Amino acid sequence: MHAYSAFRSRDYRFLLAGQFLANFGMQMLSVAVSWDLYIQTKSALVLGNVGFVQVAPFILFALFAGHVADRYDRRRTLILTQIPILAASLLLIFGFRSVAVIYGCLFLAACGRAFQWPTRQALLPHIVTDEILSNAITWNSSVQEISSVSGPAVAGLLIAAAGSRTVYLVQTICACLTLACYIGLRYRSKPIVNAPAPDAKSLLEGMHYVRKNKLVLSAISLDLFAVLFGGATALLPIYATDILHAGARGLGWLRAAPSIGSVTMALILAHSPKIRRAGAILLWAVAGFGAATIVFGVSKSMVLSLIMLALTGAFDNISVVLRISLLQATPDYVRGRVLAFSSVFISSSNQFGAVESGWTAAWFGAVRSVAGGGIATIAVVLICAAVSVPLRKWKQQG
């Protein structure tokens, strides 16, 4: 199979472009918002609570979002849920940037993304063939990380040169172009005749599937607890200003460094054979993520910090590709609900990780918070390796 096979599909190119633009804009927004909040408040707690604001919609709406992804036109869902994201962007452009308003805009945008994530992922197997699905997943990860590299770096440069309002303007343009990409999709799902109402049984079907599948449960639980303790992204404004003394431009590069590592790893995976001993590789990758986090936490060198953050991105990319490949193997009739339920784990790990980092940094300081989180990540890996036989023995076929 050619390394670029997935790009032969027109709809895949549109979907991928929409994903790139959406993540590029949201990464820029995240940097601008973090900078504005820290400059206003100088509070690690305020930065940490950004994560809570963004994860709340995923928890509140995940089960219903999965039902929507499985029962309704997925293209239309992507279009409609892009509207609140665009509305949040417009509010920030016009200068409404108190802490409460910023939190509100982040919450509104997260509501749209809570529905988009399972819908977009469930759509993927319908626009590429089974033979190139793995290749498409790998390129999804690559493009996601390329946007995560360029977004923070561009945001940092724009903040330093023209202020945060320019970043909000560019993010709004990205949101409009994302909407255009979703409209341009030619994919049309088949109508669901006499679709059942979203009762408790149908909403919980994805959760029941995950609970019964020990391998899936182990893989997403590992990601949940590892990133919960090991994420340092929320504290990067503190490192940029108070520890590494790098300023807004340095913050952009610190935010971009994990994605640089992730892109590098994604390109390697795209040109490599499928990982066979997936379980063992996943465990080692998460352990490496924890070790790199520890070194970053205690580093006072900008160069060393960038290298360690790049390594966290490289190790995390391996975890993402393996986990998404596993979830895409679920049956189509329940895939949206399984992906939506897993999004609670994924979003919770990232956003509650930001909350945990902010709170522990407020209590013990940023260095102890990050380094201690890395140690906890390695402990989680050891526990999962000891108790989950299916995860240790997981091998990919084909």
Foldseek 3Di string as FASTA:
>chain_A
DDLCVLVVFPLLVLLLLLLLLLLLLVLLVLLQLLVVVCVVPVALLLLLCLLVLLLVLLVVCLLVLLVCLLAHKLLVLLLVLLVLLLVLLVVVLVPPRDSVSSSVSSNSNSNSVLNNQLNSLLCQCVRDPPVCSLSSLLVSQLSSLVSQQVNLLVSLVCCVPPRSSVSSVSSSVSSVSSSVSSVPRPDTDDHDPPDDDPDPCSSCPLVVVCVVPLQLVLLLVLLLLLLLLAPQLSCLVCCCVPQQNPHSNLSSLLSNLLSLLQNVLSVVCSPDDDFFQLLVLLLVLSLLLLVLLLQLLPDSHSVSVSNSSSSNSNSVNSSSSSSSVVLNPDDSSSSSSNSSVSVSSNSNSNSSSSSQQSVVCVVPNNSCSRNVSSVSSNVSSVVSVVPRPCSSRGTDDD
